[in-house]
Amino acid sequence: MQHRRIPGTSVTLGELGFGASPLGNLYRVTQADEAAAALDAAWEAGIRYFDTAPHYGLGLSERRLGAFLRHRPRHEYTVSSKVGRLLVPNEQPRGVDSEGFVVRDDLRREWDFSRDGILRSIEATLTRTGLDRLDIVYLHDPDDHWQQAADEAMPTLADLRDQGVVGAIGTGMNQSAMLARFLRETAADVVMLAGRYTLLDQTGLDDVLPAAEEHGKSVVAVGVFNSGLLSRDRPAEGMKYDYQDAPTALVTWAQRIAEVCKAHGTTLPAAAIAFPHTHPHIINVTLGMRNRDQVLRNVELSGRRVPGELWDELRARGLVRADVPTETVH
């Protein structure tokens, strides 16, 4: 698996990463043996970048990932986690978490992008994972907290990076416009772009990707299946797009893209994974994985050759934007 370095840092990422949100029981329970088998399969396949967050299962994802990595050579893998949501005791538990994870809600999330909150969050993550350090730390969804995130949280992370405590710093969001601001106006090295540079949504070309190019910074692409609509060879009604039922018109659009993929000897999900790599500043695609079968499927899909002529035809038919780059980087 090819690796690329985040400019200005010593951190390198393989082209495919393991997203650990499903290990936090996202939407349904992931059994402990399922989680362990998924991580084993990822490691065997050569995946060495693992992304987690306190938000994912109120710490469950971090604990499971840390337990697995504790027995692997520390210099062989890269771990990112996130800050901005402190986990604090829940004074009014109702039994189950209310933010999409099937876990007990003895804890709750508390937004905090202050210097103290960032330091406490990192310390808590290191305790949960049992790791000695984090390679990348992202601010997690600071959409409604720009001022504190830019003025207090990011300088705190920059201090930690400059001291060698963390390797690289950035922000992860579902929008692209504010990510562009972080690249242009703060010390961020890398951003995690969710769902905004995919076969169905190329809005990242308007802001964050030009910002990465202008400032020599990097982008990690996540949400490349847009919550599911791009995850099967033939999209169908009832599939999800950005966490909601996909509109009929969008399903039809995805089906048209799938037909072009088939004509070029590939599939829609293989093309969806390959597509972000058409941009030279996207250095990694990270996919959420729950079990061994998902890992094996995603590794196989990511290894398929997707011909450059596919992007040419999609552009010619108006199915992707005309300014999408022409060749896959990896």
C-alpha atoms as a PDB file:
ATOM      1  CA  MET A   1       0.000   0.000   0.000  1.00  0.00           C
ATOM      2  CA  GLN A   2       1.472   3.338  -1.053  1.00  0.00           C
ATOM      3  CA  HIS A   3       2.052   5.978   1.637  1.00  0.00           C
ATOM      4  CA  ARG A   4       2.170   9.759   1.370  1.00  0.00           C
ATOM      5  CA  ARG A   5       3.473  12.240   3.904  1.00  0.00           C
ATOM      6  CA  ILE A   6       1.469  15.164   5.266  1.00  0.00           C
ATOM      7  CA  PRO A   7       3.652  18.127   4.177  1.00  0.00           C
ATOM      8  CA  GLY A   8       5.587  19.797   6.958  1.00  0.00           C
ATOM      9  CA  THR A   9       5.200  16.780   9.262  1.00  0.00           C
ATOM     10  CA  SER A  10       6.665  13.316   9.709  1.00  0.00           C
ATOM     11  CA  VAL A  11       3.211  11.681   9.511  1.00  0.00           C
ATOM     12  CA  THR A  12       2.523   9.378   6.573  1.00  0.00           C
ATOM     13  CA  LEU A  13      -0.766   7.790   5.561  1.00  0.00           C
ATOM     14  CA  GLY A  14      -1.533   4.811   3.347  1.00  0.00           C
ATOM     15  CA  GLU A  15      -4.095   5.322   0.619  1.00  0.00           C
ATOM     16  CA  LEU A  16      -6.765   3.391   2.581  1.00  0.00           C
ATOM     17  CA  GLY A  17      -7.607   4.024   6.237  1.00  0.00           C
ATOM     18  CA  PHE A  18      -9.766   2.261   8.845  1.00  0.00           C
ATOM     19  CA  GLY A  19     -12.604   4.386  10.212  1.00  0.00           C
ATOM     20  CA  ALA A  20     -13.472   3.119  13.680  1.00  0.00           C
ATOM     21  CA  SER A  21     -16.880   4.734  14.252  1.00  0.00           C
ATOM     22  CA  PRO A  22     -18.689   1.363  13.772  1.00  0.00           C
ATOM     23  CA  LEU A  23     -16.556  -0.049  16.593  1.00  0.00           C
ATOM     24  CA  GLY A  24     -18.455   2.360  18.848  1.00  0.00           C
ATOM     25  CA  ASN A  25     -21.749   0.585  18.021  1.00  0.00           C
ATOM     26  CA  LEU A  26     -22.837   3.107  15.410  1.00  0.00           C
ATOM     27  CA  TYR A  27     -26.552   2.442  14.672  1.00  0.00           C
ATOM     28  CA  ARG A  28     -26.330  -1.136  15.973  1.00  0.00           C
ATOM     29  CA  VAL A  29     -24.227  -3.290  18.269  1.00  0.00           C
ATOM     30  CA  THR A  30     -20.855  -4.421  16.992  1.00  0.00           C
ATOM     31  CA  GLN A  31     -19.849  -7.469  19.007  1.00  0.00           C
ATOM     32  CA  ALA A  32     -16.382  -7.500  20.540  1.00  0.00           C
ATOM     33  CA  ASP A  33     -15.277 -10.446  18.408  1.00  0.00           C
ATOM     34  CA  GLU A  34     -16.569  -8.680  15.252  1.00  0.00           C
ATOM     35  CA  ALA A  35     -14.541  -5.597  16.089  1.00  0.00           C
ATOM     36  CA  ALA A  36     -11.412  -7.625  16.806  1.00  0.00           C
ATOM     37  CA  ALA A  37     -11.788  -9.601  13.569  1.00  0.00           C
ATOM     38  CA  ALA A  38     -12.219  -6.398  11.563  1.00  0.00           C
ATOM     39  CA  LEU A  39      -9.063  -4.900  13.020  1.00  0.00           C
ATOM     40  CA  ASP A  40      -7.117  -8.137  12.488  1.00  0.00           C
ATOM     41  CA  ALA A  41      -8.218  -8.269   8.850  1.00  0.00           C
ATOM     42  CA  ALA A  42      -7.263  -4.631   8.317  1.00  0.00           C
ATOM     43  CA  TRP A  43      -3.814  -5.186   9.765  1.00  0.00           C
ATOM     44  CA  GLU A  44      -3.282  -8.337   7.672  1.00  0.00           C
ATOM     45  CA  ALA A  45      -4.270  -6.355   4.573  1.00  0.00           C
ATOM     46  CA  GLY A  46      -1.645  -3.715   5.257  1.00  0.00           C
ATOM     47  CA  ILE A  47      -3.882  -0.939   6.612  1.00  0.00           C
ATOM     48  CA  ARG A  48      -1.887   1.129   9.071  1.00  0.00           C
ATOM     49  CA  TYR A  49      -4.001   4.268   9.528  1.00  0.00           C
ATOM     50  CA  PHE A  50      -6.786   4.099  12.105  1.00  0.00           C
ATOM     51  CA  ASP A  51      -9.175   6.971  12.910  1.00  0.00           C
ATOM     52  CA  THR A  52     -11.358   7.192  16.008  1.00  0.00           C
ATOM     53  CA  ALA A  53     -12.956   9.781  18.340  1.00  0.00           C
ATOM     54  CA  PRO A  54     -14.402  10.078  21.865  1.00  0.00           C
ATOM     55  CA  HIS A  55     -17.777  10.749  20.207  1.00  0.00           C
ATOM     56  CA  TYR A  56     -17.853   7.235  18.730  1.00  0.00           C
ATOM     57  CA  GLY A  57     -19.740   5.203  21.285  1.00  0.00           C
ATOM     58  CA  LEU A  58     -18.868   7.503  24.182  1.00  0.00           C
ATOM     59  CA  GLY A  59     -15.312   6.179  24.193  1.00  0.00           C
ATOM     60  CA  LEU A  60     -16.034   2.561  23.183  1.00  0.00           C
ATOM     61  CA  SER A  61     -14.353   2.926  19.791  1.00  0.00           C
ATOM     62  CA  GLU A  62     -11.206   4.355  21.364  1.00  0.00           C
ATOM     63  CA  ARG A  63     -11.054   1.566  23.955  1.00  0.00           C
ATOM     64  CA  ARG A  64     -11.469  -1.179  21.361  1.00  0.00           C
ATOM     65  CA  LEU A  65      -8.950   0.318  18.972  1.00  0.00           C
ATOM     66  CA  GLY A  66      -6.438   0.898  21.753  1.00  0.00           C
ATOM     67  CA  ALA A  67      -6.745  -2.667  23.012  1.00  0.00           C
ATOM     68  CA  PHE A  68      -5.924  -3.943  19.526  1.00  0.00           C
ATOM     69  CA  LEU A  69      -3.035  -1.581  18.815  1.00  0.00           C
ATOM     70  CA  ARG A  70      -1.425  -2.100  22.206  1.00  0.00           C
ATOM     71  CA  HIS A  71       0.081  -5.334  20.900  1.00  0.00           C
ATOM     72  CA  ARG A  72       1.409  -3.893  17.618  1.00  0.00           C
ATOM     73  CA  PRO A  73       4.745  -2.128  17.089  1.00  0.00           C
ATOM     74  CA  ARG A  74       4.088   1.564  17.730  1.00  0.00           C
ATOM     75  CA  HIS A  75       6.229   2.787  14.846  1.00  0.00           C
ATOM     76  CA  GLU A  76       4.232   0.755  12.306  1.00  0.00           C
ATOM     77  CA  TYR A  77       0.860   2.520  12.548  1.00  0.00           C
ATOM     78  CA  THR A  78      -0.735   5.960  12.572  1.00  0.00           C
ATOM     79  CA  VAL A  79      -3.655   6.886  14.837  1.00  0.00           C
ATOM     80  CA  SER A  80      -5.891   9.921  14.765  1.00  0.00           C
ATOM     81  CA  SER A  81      -8.519  10.951  17.257  1.00  0.00           C
ATOM     82  CA  LYS A  82     -10.517  14.097  17.797  1.00  0.00           C
ATOM     83  CA  VAL A  83     -11.147  16.841  20.321  1.00  0.00           C
ATOM     84  CA  GLY A  84     -13.972  19.274  21.005  1.00  0.00           C
ATOM     85  CA  ARG A  85     -16.442  16.918  22.658  1.00  0.00           C
ATOM     86  CA  LEU A  86     -15.448  16.138  26.240  1.00  0.00           C
ATOM     87  CA  LEU A  87     -17.026  13.062  27.816  1.00  0.00           C
ATOM     88  CA  VAL A  88     -18.488  13.963  31.225  1.00  0.00           C
ATOM     89  CA  PRO A  89     -20.828  12.181  33.666  1.00  0.00           C
ATOM     90  CA  ASN A  90     -24.450  12.228  32.537  1.00  0.00           C
ATOM     91  CA  GLU A  91     -26.625  13.513  35.361  1.00  0.00           C
ATOM     92  CA  GLN A  92     -29.833  12.379  33.639  1.00  0.00           C
ATOM     93  CA  PRO A  93     -29.171   9.057  31.871  1.00  0.00           C
ATOM     94  CA  ARG A  94     -32.030   7.428  30.001  1.00  0.00           C
ATOM     95  CA  GLY A  95     -30.339   4.118  29.301  1.00  0.00           C
ATOM     96  CA  VAL A  96     -29.134   4.463  25.707  1.00  0.00           C
ATOM     97  CA  ASP A  97     -27.111   7.136  23.947  1.00  0.00           C
ATOM     98  CA  SER A  98     -29.216   9.569  21.917  1.00  0.00           C
ATOM     99  CA  GLU A  99     -26.643  10.380  19.213  1.00  0.00           C
ATOM    100  CA  GLY A 100     -26.699   7.245  17.092  1.00  0.00           C
ATOM    101  CA  PHE A 101     -24.564   4.840  19.120  1.00  0.00           C
ATOM    102  CA  VAL A 102     -26.019   1.795  20.846  1.00  0.00           C
ATOM    103  CA  VAL A 103     -24.264   2.204  24.196  1.00  0.00           C
ATOM    104  CA  ARG A 104     -25.259   3.128  27.721  1.00  0.00           C
ATOM    105  CA  ASP A 105     -25.475   6.852  28.290  1.00  0.00           C
ATOM    106  CA  ASP A 106     -23.690   7.037  31.630  1.00  0.00           C
ATOM    107  CA  LEU A 107     -21.588   9.716  29.940  1.00  0.00           C
ATOM    108  CA  ARG A 108     -22.596  12.640  27.770  1.00  0.00           C
ATOM    109  CA  ARG A 109     -20.752  14.903  25.331  1.00  0.00           C
ATOM    110  CA  GLU A 110     -19.927  18.483  26.242  1.00  0.00           C
ATOM    111  CA  TRP A 111     -18.675  20.894  23.582  1.00  0.00           C
ATOM    112  CA  ASP A 112     -15.369  22.436  24.625  1.00  0.00           C
ATOM    113  CA  PHE A 113     -12.763  23.970  22.307  1.00  0.00           C
ATOM    114  CA  SER A 114     -10.912  25.787  25.088  1.00  0.00           C
ATOM    115  CA  ARG A 115      -7.221  25.131  25.729  1.00  0.00           C
ATOM    116  CA  ASP A 116      -8.068  23.280  28.928  1.00  0.00           C
ATOM    117  CA  GLY A 117     -10.758  21.264  27.150  1.00  0.00           C
ATOM    118  CA  ILE A 118      -8.365  20.226  24.377  1.00  0.00           C
ATOM    119  CA  LEU A 119      -5.685  19.126  26.831  1.00  0.00           C
ATOM    120  CA  ARG A 120      -8.192  17.213  28.970  1.00  0.00           C
ATOM    121  CA  SER A 121      -9.660  15.529  25.911  1.00  0.00           C
ATOM    122  CA  ILE A 122      -6.288  14.317  24.638  1.00  0.00           C
ATOM    123  CA  GLU A 123      -5.319  13.056  28.089  1.00  0.00           C
ATOM    124  CA  ALA A 124      -8.612  11.144  28.350  1.00  0.00           C
ATOM    125  CA  THR A 125      -8.138   9.620  24.892  1.00  0.00           C
ATOM    126  CA  LEU A 126      -4.634   8.443  25.787  1.00  0.00           C
ATOM    127  CA  THR A 127      -6.046   6.865  28.951  1.00  0.00           C
ATOM    128  CA  ARG A 128      -8.842   5.092  27.057  1.00  0.00           C
ATOM    129  CA  THR A 129      -6.584   3.847  24.268  1.00  0.00           C
ATOM    130  CA  GLY A 130      -3.553   3.089  26.406  1.00  0.00           C
ATOM    131  CA  LEU A 131      -1.373   4.701  23.731  1.00  0.00           C
ATOM    132  CA  ASP A 132       1.641   6.868  24.440  1.00  0.00           C
ATOM    133  CA  ARG A 133       0.745   9.502  21.825  1.00  0.00           C
ATOM    134  CA  LEU A 134      -1.605  10.461  18.997  1.00  0.00           C
ATOM    135  CA  ASP A 135      -0.184  10.959  15.526  1.00  0.00           C
ATOM    136  CA  ILE A 136      -2.980  13.247  14.301  1.00  0.00           C
ATOM    137  CA  VAL A 137      -5.501  15.258  16.329  1.00  0.00           C
ATOM    138  CA  TYR A 138      -8.539  16.769  14.588  1.00  0.00           C
ATOM    139  CA  LEU A 139     -10.989  19.330  15.911  1.00  0.00           C
ATOM    140  CA  HIS A 140     -14.307  17.488  15.650  1.00  0.00           C
ATOM    141  CA  ASP A 141     -17.196  19.317  13.934  1.00  0.00           C
ATOM    142  CA  PRO A 142     -16.502  22.865  15.153  1.00  0.00           C
ATOM    143  CA  ASP A 143     -19.240  24.260  12.854  1.00  0.00           C
ATOM    144  CA  ASP A 144     -20.842  26.383  15.583  1.00  0.00           C
ATOM    145  CA  HIS A 145     -17.598  27.166  17.403  1.00  0.00           C
ATOM    146  CA  TRP A 146     -15.363  28.818  14.811  1.00  0.00           C
ATOM    147  CA  GLN A 147     -14.001  31.588  17.031  1.00  0.00           C
ATOM    148  CA  GLN A 148     -12.927  29.452  19.944  1.00  0.00           C
ATOM    149  CA  ALA A 149     -11.746  26.648  17.671  1.00  0.00           C
ATOM    150  CA  ALA A 150      -9.604  28.994  15.563  1.00  0.00           C
ATOM    151  CA  ASP A 151      -8.374  31.282  18.339  1.00  0.00           C
ATOM    152  CA  GLU A 152      -7.862  28.822  21.183  1.00  0.00           C
ATOM    153  CA  ALA A 153      -8.111  25.169  20.145  1.00  0.00           C
ATOM    154  CA  MET A 154      -5.930  25.281  17.042  1.00  0.00           C
ATOM    155  CA  PRO A 155      -3.105  27.275  18.690  1.00  0.00           C
ATOM    156  CA  THR A 156      -3.174  24.726  21.533  1.00  0.00           C
ATOM    157  CA  LEU A 157      -2.785  21.884  19.045  1.00  0.00           C
ATOM    158  CA  ALA A 158      -0.044  23.817  17.234  1.00  0.00           C
ATOM    159  CA  ASP A 159       1.881  24.121  20.503  1.00  0.00           C
ATOM    160  CA  LEU A 160       1.578  20.369  21.057  1.00  0.00           C
ATOM    161  CA  ARG A 161       2.715  19.673  17.509  1.00  0.00           C
ATOM    162  CA  ASP A 162       5.663  22.032  17.807  1.00  0.00           C
ATOM    163  CA  GLN A 163       6.675  20.315  21.055  1.00  0.00           C
ATOM    164  CA  GLY A 164       6.523  16.920  19.329  1.00  0.00           C
ATOM    165  CA  VAL A 165       3.616  15.708  21.478  1.00  0.00           C
ATOM    166  CA  VAL A 166       1.440  15.110  18.384  1.00  0.00           C
ATOM    167  CA  GLY A 167       2.553  14.686  14.798  1.00  0.00           C
ATOM    168  CA  ALA A 168      -0.028  16.643  12.805  1.00  0.00           C
ATOM    169  CA  ILE A 169      -3.141  18.693  13.496  1.00  0.00           C
ATOM    170  CA  GLY A 170      -6.326  19.571  11.676  1.00  0.00           C
ATOM    171  CA  THR A 171     -10.104  19.584  11.600  1.00  0.00           C
ATOM    172  CA  GLY A 172     -12.805  17.150  10.494  1.00  0.00           C
ATOM    173  CA  MET A 173     -16.216  18.296   9.249  1.00  0.00           C
ATOM    174  CA  ASN A 174     -19.125  17.507   6.946  1.00  0.00           C
ATOM    175  CA  GLN A 175     -18.839  20.912   5.265  1.00  0.00           C
ATOM    176  CA  SER A 176     -16.033  22.177   3.076  1.00  0.00           C
ATOM    177  CA  ALA A 177     -16.203  25.982   3.398  1.00  0.00           C
ATOM    178  CA  MET A 178     -15.036  26.176   7.007  1.00  0.00           C
ATOM    179  CA  LEU A 179     -12.375  23.548   6.385  1.00  0.00           C
ATOM    180  CA  ALA A 180     -10.968  25.907   3.760  1.00  0.00           C
ATOM    181  CA  ARG A 181     -10.813  28.644   6.396  1.00  0.00           C
ATOM    182  CA  PHE A 182      -8.900  26.345   8.747  1.00  0.00           C
ATOM    183  CA  LEU A 183      -6.358  25.607   6.010  1.00  0.00           C
ATOM    184  CA  ARG A 184      -6.002  29.269   5.065  1.00  0.00           C
ATOM    185  CA  GLU A 185      -6.205  30.965   8.455  1.00  0.00           C
ATOM    186  CA  THR A 186      -4.835  28.523  11.045  1.00  0.00           C
ATOM    187  CA  ALA A 187      -1.901  26.188  11.634  1.00  0.00           C
ATOM    188  CA  ALA A 188      -3.838  23.102  10.430  1.00  0.00           C
ATOM    189  CA  ASP A 189      -1.751  20.576   8.470  1.00  0.00           C
ATOM    190  CA  VAL A 190      -4.576  18.362   7.257  1.00  0.00           C
ATOM    191  CA  VAL A 191      -8.370  18.286   7.193  1.00  0.00           C
ATOM    192  CA  MET A 192     -10.827  15.405   7.128  1.00  0.00           C
ATOM    193  CA  LEU A 193     -13.466  16.110   4.495  1.00  0.00           C
ATOM    194  CA  ALA A 194     -16.690  14.129   4.917  1.00  0.00           C
ATOM    195  CA  GLY A 195     -18.868  13.582   1.857  1.00  0.00           C
ATOM    196  CA  ARG A 196     -17.946  16.725  -0.071  1.00  0.00           C
ATOM    197  CA  TYR A 197     -15.677  15.213  -2.706  1.00  0.00           C
ATOM    198  CA  THR A 198     -17.528  12.186  -3.989  1.00  0.00           C
ATOM    199  CA  LEU A 199     -19.072  11.001  -7.230  1.00  0.00           C
ATOM    200  CA  LEU A 200     -22.279  12.759  -6.161  1.00  0.00           C
ATOM    201  CA  ASP A 201     -20.920  15.918  -4.530  1.00  0.00           C
ATOM    202  CA  GLN A 202     -17.838  17.816  -5.637  1.00  0.00           C
ATOM    203  CA  THR A 203     -18.405  21.028  -3.666  1.00  0.00           C
ATOM    204  CA  GLY A 204     -14.951  20.588  -2.142  1.00  0.00           C
ATOM    205  CA  LEU A 205     -13.598  21.880  -5.463  1.00  0.00           C
ATOM    206  CA  ASP A 206     -15.050  25.292  -4.627  1.00  0.00           C
ATOM    207  CA  ASP A 207     -13.066  25.927  -1.469  1.00  0.00           C
ATOM    208  CA  VAL A 208     -11.206  23.348   0.586  1.00  0.00           C
ATOM    209  CA  LEU A 209      -9.313  21.638  -2.230  1.00  0.00           C
ATOM    210  CA  PRO A 210      -8.075  24.927  -3.757  1.00  0.00           C
ATOM    211  CA  ALA A 211      -7.046  25.994  -0.228  1.00  0.00           C
ATOM    212  CA  ALA A 212      -5.060  22.769   0.212  1.00  0.00           C
ATOM    213  CA  GLU A 213      -3.370  23.364  -3.123  1.00  0.00           C
ATOM    214  CA  GLU A 214      -2.577  27.030  -2.391  1.00  0.00           C
ATOM    215  CA  HIS A 215      -1.051  26.286   1.011  1.00  0.00           C
ATOM    216  CA  GLY A 216       0.535  22.900   0.328  1.00  0.00           C
ATOM    217  CA  LYS A 217      -1.654  21.070   2.818  1.00  0.00           C
ATOM    218  CA  SER A 218      -3.452  17.728   2.774  1.00  0.00           C
ATOM    219  CA  VAL A 219      -6.988  16.337   2.795  1.00  0.00           C
ATOM    220  CA  VAL A 220      -8.282  12.990   4.054  1.00  0.00           C
ATOM    221  CA  ALA A 221     -11.532  11.978   2.345  1.00  0.00           C
ATOM    222  CA  VAL A 222     -14.244  10.184   4.319  1.00  0.00           C
ATOM    223  CA  GLY A 223     -17.928   9.528   3.669  1.00  0.00           C
ATOM    224  CA  VAL A 224     -17.095   8.625   0.060  1.00  0.00           C
ATOM    225  CA  PHE A 225     -20.216   6.443  -0.224  1.00  0.00           C
ATOM    226  CA  ASN A 226     -22.407   9.381   0.902  1.00  0.00           C
ATOM    227  CA  SER A 227     -23.980   7.258   3.669  1.00  0.00           C
ATOM    228  CA  GLY A 228     -24.627   4.282   1.404  1.00  0.00           C
ATOM    229  CA  LEU A 229     -25.985   5.364  -1.972  1.00  0.00           C
ATOM    230  CA  LEU A 230     -22.626   4.718  -3.658  1.00  0.00           C
ATOM    231  CA  SER A 231     -21.863   1.508  -1.777  1.00  0.00           C
ATOM    232  CA  ARG A 232     -23.578  -0.984  -4.088  1.00  0.00           C
ATOM    233  CA  ASP A 233     -23.164  -1.819  -7.762  1.00  0.00           C
ATOM    234  CA  ARG A 234     -26.757  -0.815  -8.459  1.00  0.00           C
ATOM    235  CA  PRO A 235     -28.254   1.971  -6.306  1.00  0.00           C
ATOM    236  CA  ALA A 236     -31.910   1.541  -5.351  1.00  0.00           C
ATOM    237  CA  GLU A 237     -34.743   3.406  -3.683  1.00  0.00           C
ATOM    238  CA  GLY A 238     -34.549   3.372   0.103  1.00  0.00           C
ATOM    239  CA  MET A 239     -30.763   3.732   0.241  1.00  0.00           C
ATOM    240  CA  LYS A 240     -29.306   6.561   2.306  1.00  0.00           C
ATOM    241  CA  TYR A 241     -27.677   9.797   1.154  1.00  0.00           C
ATOM    242  CA  ASP A 242     -26.074  11.978   3.826  1.00  0.00           C
ATOM    243  CA  TYR A 243     -27.909  10.077   6.583  1.00  0.00           C
ATOM    244  CA  GLN A 244     -31.371  10.511   5.015  1.00  0.00           C
ATOM    245  CA  ASP A 245     -33.395   8.500   2.493  1.00  0.00           C
ATOM    246  CA  ALA A 246     -31.987   9.412  -0.916  1.00  0.00           C
ATOM    247  CA  PRO A 247     -34.325  11.450  -3.156  1.00  0.00           C
ATOM    248  CA  THR A 248     -35.505   9.593  -6.251  1.00  0.00           C
ATOM    249  CA  ALA A 249     -33.702  12.004  -8.573  1.00  0.00           C
ATOM    250  CA  LEU A 250     -30.413  11.337  -6.800  1.00  0.00           C
ATOM    251  CA  VAL A 251     -30.929   7.571  -6.966  1.00  0.00           C
ATOM    252  CA  THR A 252     -31.461   7.922 -10.727  1.00  0.00           C
ATOM    253  CA  TRP A 253     -28.298  10.043 -10.994  1.00  0.00           C
ATOM    254  CA  ALA A 254     -26.285   7.394  -9.117  1.00  0.00           C
ATOM    255  CA  GLN A 255     -27.724   4.687 -11.366  1.00  0.00           C
ATOM    256  CA  ARG A 256     -26.537   6.590 -14.432  1.00  0.00           C
ATOM    257  CA  ILE A 257     -23.036   6.801 -12.963  1.00  0.00           C
ATOM    258  CA  ALA A 258     -23.191   3.069 -12.166  1.00  0.00           C
ATOM    259  CA  GLU A 259     -24.024   2.289 -15.794  1.00  0.00           C
ATOM    260  CA  VAL A 260     -20.973   4.213 -17.004  1.00  0.00           C
ATOM    261  CA  CYS A 261     -18.812   2.400 -14.446  1.00  0.00           C
ATOM    262  CA  LYS A 262     -20.048  -0.963 -15.705  1.00  0.00           C
ATOM    263  CA  ALA A 263     -19.307   0.027 -19.297  1.00  0.00           C
ATOM    264  CA  HIS A 264     -15.698   0.705 -18.250  1.00  0.00           C
ATOM    265  CA  GLY A 265     -15.301  -2.651 -16.527  1.00  0.00           C
ATOM    266  CA  THR A 266     -15.603  -1.453 -12.950  1.00  0.00           C
ATOM    267  CA  THR A 267     -18.287  -0.898 -10.329  1.00  0.00           C
ATOM    268  CA  LEU A 268     -19.833   2.093  -8.605  1.00  0.00           C
ATOM    269  CA  PRO A 269     -18.315   1.404  -5.149  1.00  0.00           C
ATOM    270  CA  ALA A 270     -14.857   0.790  -6.623  1.00  0.00           C
ATOM    271  CA  ALA A 271     -15.111   4.078  -8.497  1.00  0.00           C
ATOM    272  CA  ALA A 272     -16.400   5.838  -5.364  1.00  0.00           C
ATOM    273  CA  ILE A 273     -13.266   4.813  -3.458  1.00  0.00           C
ATOM    274  CA  ALA A 274     -10.954   5.696  -6.341  1.00  0.00           C
ATOM    275  CA  PHE A 275     -12.586   9.025  -7.164  1.00  0.00           C
ATOM    276  CA  PRO A 276     -11.098  11.181  -4.334  1.00  0.00           C
ATOM    277  CA  HIS A 277      -7.629  10.072  -5.409  1.00  0.00           C
ATOM    278  CA  THR A 278      -8.135  12.030  -8.634  1.00  0.00           C
ATOM    279  CA  HIS A 279      -7.161  15.107  -6.639  1.00  0.00           C
ATOM    280  CA  PRO A 280      -3.445  15.406  -5.835  1.00  0.00           C
ATOM    281  CA  HIS A 281      -3.995  16.885  -2.372  1.00  0.00           C
ATOM    282  CA  ILE A 282      -6.260  14.062  -1.151  1.00  0.00           C
ATOM    283  CA  ILE A 283      -3.738  11.675   0.357  1.00  0.00           C
ATOM    284  CA  ASN A 284      -6.039   9.087   1.933  1.00  0.00           C
ATOM    285  CA  VAL A 285      -9.549   7.644   1.786  1.00  0.00           C
ATOM    286  CA  THR A 286     -10.787   6.314   5.133  1.00  0.00           C
ATOM    287  CA  LEU A 287     -13.779   3.979   5.278  1.00  0.00           C
ATOM    288  CA  GLY A 288     -15.845   2.974   8.298  1.00  0.00           C
ATOM    289  CA  MET A 289     -15.573  -0.786   8.818  1.00  0.00           C
ATOM    290  CA  ARG A 290     -17.508  -2.982  11.224  1.00  0.00           C
ATOM    291  CA  ASN A 291     -16.470  -6.569  10.547  1.00  0.00           C
ATOM    292  CA  ARG A 292     -14.018  -8.762   8.660  1.00  0.00           C
ATOM    293  CA  ASP A 293     -16.206  -9.071   5.570  1.00  0.00           C
ATOM    294  CA  GLN A 294     -16.472  -5.292   5.203  1.00  0.00           C
ATOM    295  CA  VAL A 295     -12.715  -4.929   5.520  1.00  0.00           C
ATOM    296  CA  LEU A 296     -12.010  -7.596   2.907  1.00  0.00           C
ATOM    297  CA  ARG A 297     -14.553  -6.095   0.526  1.00  0.00           C
ATOM    298  CA  ASN A 298     -13.219  -2.559   0.913  1.00  0.00           C
ATOM    299  CA  VAL A 299      -9.615  -3.670   0.490  1.00  0.00           C
ATOM    300  CA  GLU A 300     -10.554  -5.580  -2.655  1.00  0.00           C
ATOM    301  CA  LEU A 301     -12.521  -2.628  -4.050  1.00  0.00           C
ATOM    302  CA  SER A 302      -9.718  -0.185  -3.320  1.00  0.00           C
ATOM    303  CA  GLY A 303      -7.265  -2.420  -5.153  1.00  0.00           C
ATOM    304  CA  ARG A 304      -9.245  -2.533  -8.385  1.00  0.00           C
ATOM    305  CA  ARG A 305      -7.978  -0.605 -11.364  1.00  0.00           C
ATOM    306  CA  VAL A 306     -10.371   2.184 -12.308  1.00  0.00           C
ATOM    307  CA  PRO A 307      -9.540   3.495 -15.807  1.00  0.00           C
ATOM    308  CA  GLY A 308      -8.933   7.197 -16.274  1.00  0.00           C
ATOM    309  CA  GLU A 309     -11.295   7.092 -19.232  1.00  0.00           C
ATOM    310  CA  LEU A 310     -14.154   6.645 -16.747  1.00  0.00           C
ATOM    311  CA  TRP A 311     -13.643  10.140 -15.357  1.00  0.00           C
ATOM    312  CA  ASP A 312     -13.438  11.506 -18.908  1.00  0.00           C
ATOM    313  CA  GLU A 313     -16.816  10.027 -19.799  1.00  0.00           C
ATOM    314  CA  LEU A 314     -18.479  11.089 -16.556  1.00  0.00           C
ATOM    315  CA  ARG A 315     -17.327  14.641 -17.206  1.00  0.00           C
ATOM    316  CA  ALA A 316     -18.424  14.510 -20.843  1.00  0.00           C
ATOM    317  CA  ARG A 317     -21.900  13.351 -19.816  1.00  0.00           C
ATOM    318  CA  GLY A 318     -22.187  16.008 -17.119  1.00  0.00           C
ATOM    319  CA  LEU A 319     -22.395  13.389 -14.376  1.00  0.00           C
ATOM    320  CA  VAL A 320     -19.470  14.944 -12.497  1.00  0.00           C
ATOM    321  CA  ARG A 321     -18.141  18.479 -12.681  1.00  0.00           C
ATOM    322  CA  ALA A 322     -16.049  19.567 -15.647  1.00  0.00           C
ATOM    323  CA  ASP A 323     -13.202  20.664 -13.346  1.00  0.00           C
ATOM    324  CA  VAL A 324     -12.676  17.225 -11.788  1.00  0.00           C
ATOM    325  CA  PRO A 325      -8.994  16.307 -12.368  1.00  0.00           C
ATOM    326  CA  THR A 326      -8.325  13.828 -15.119  1.00  0.00           C
ATOM    327  CA  GLU A 327      -6.160  11.085 -13.657  1.00  0.00           C
ATOM    328  CA  THR A 328      -6.175   8.985 -10.520  1.00  0.00           C
ATOM    329  CA  VAL A 329      -3.136   9.891  -8.426  1.00  0.00           C
ATOM    330  CA  HIS A 330      -2.561   6.431  -6.905  1.00  0.00           C
END
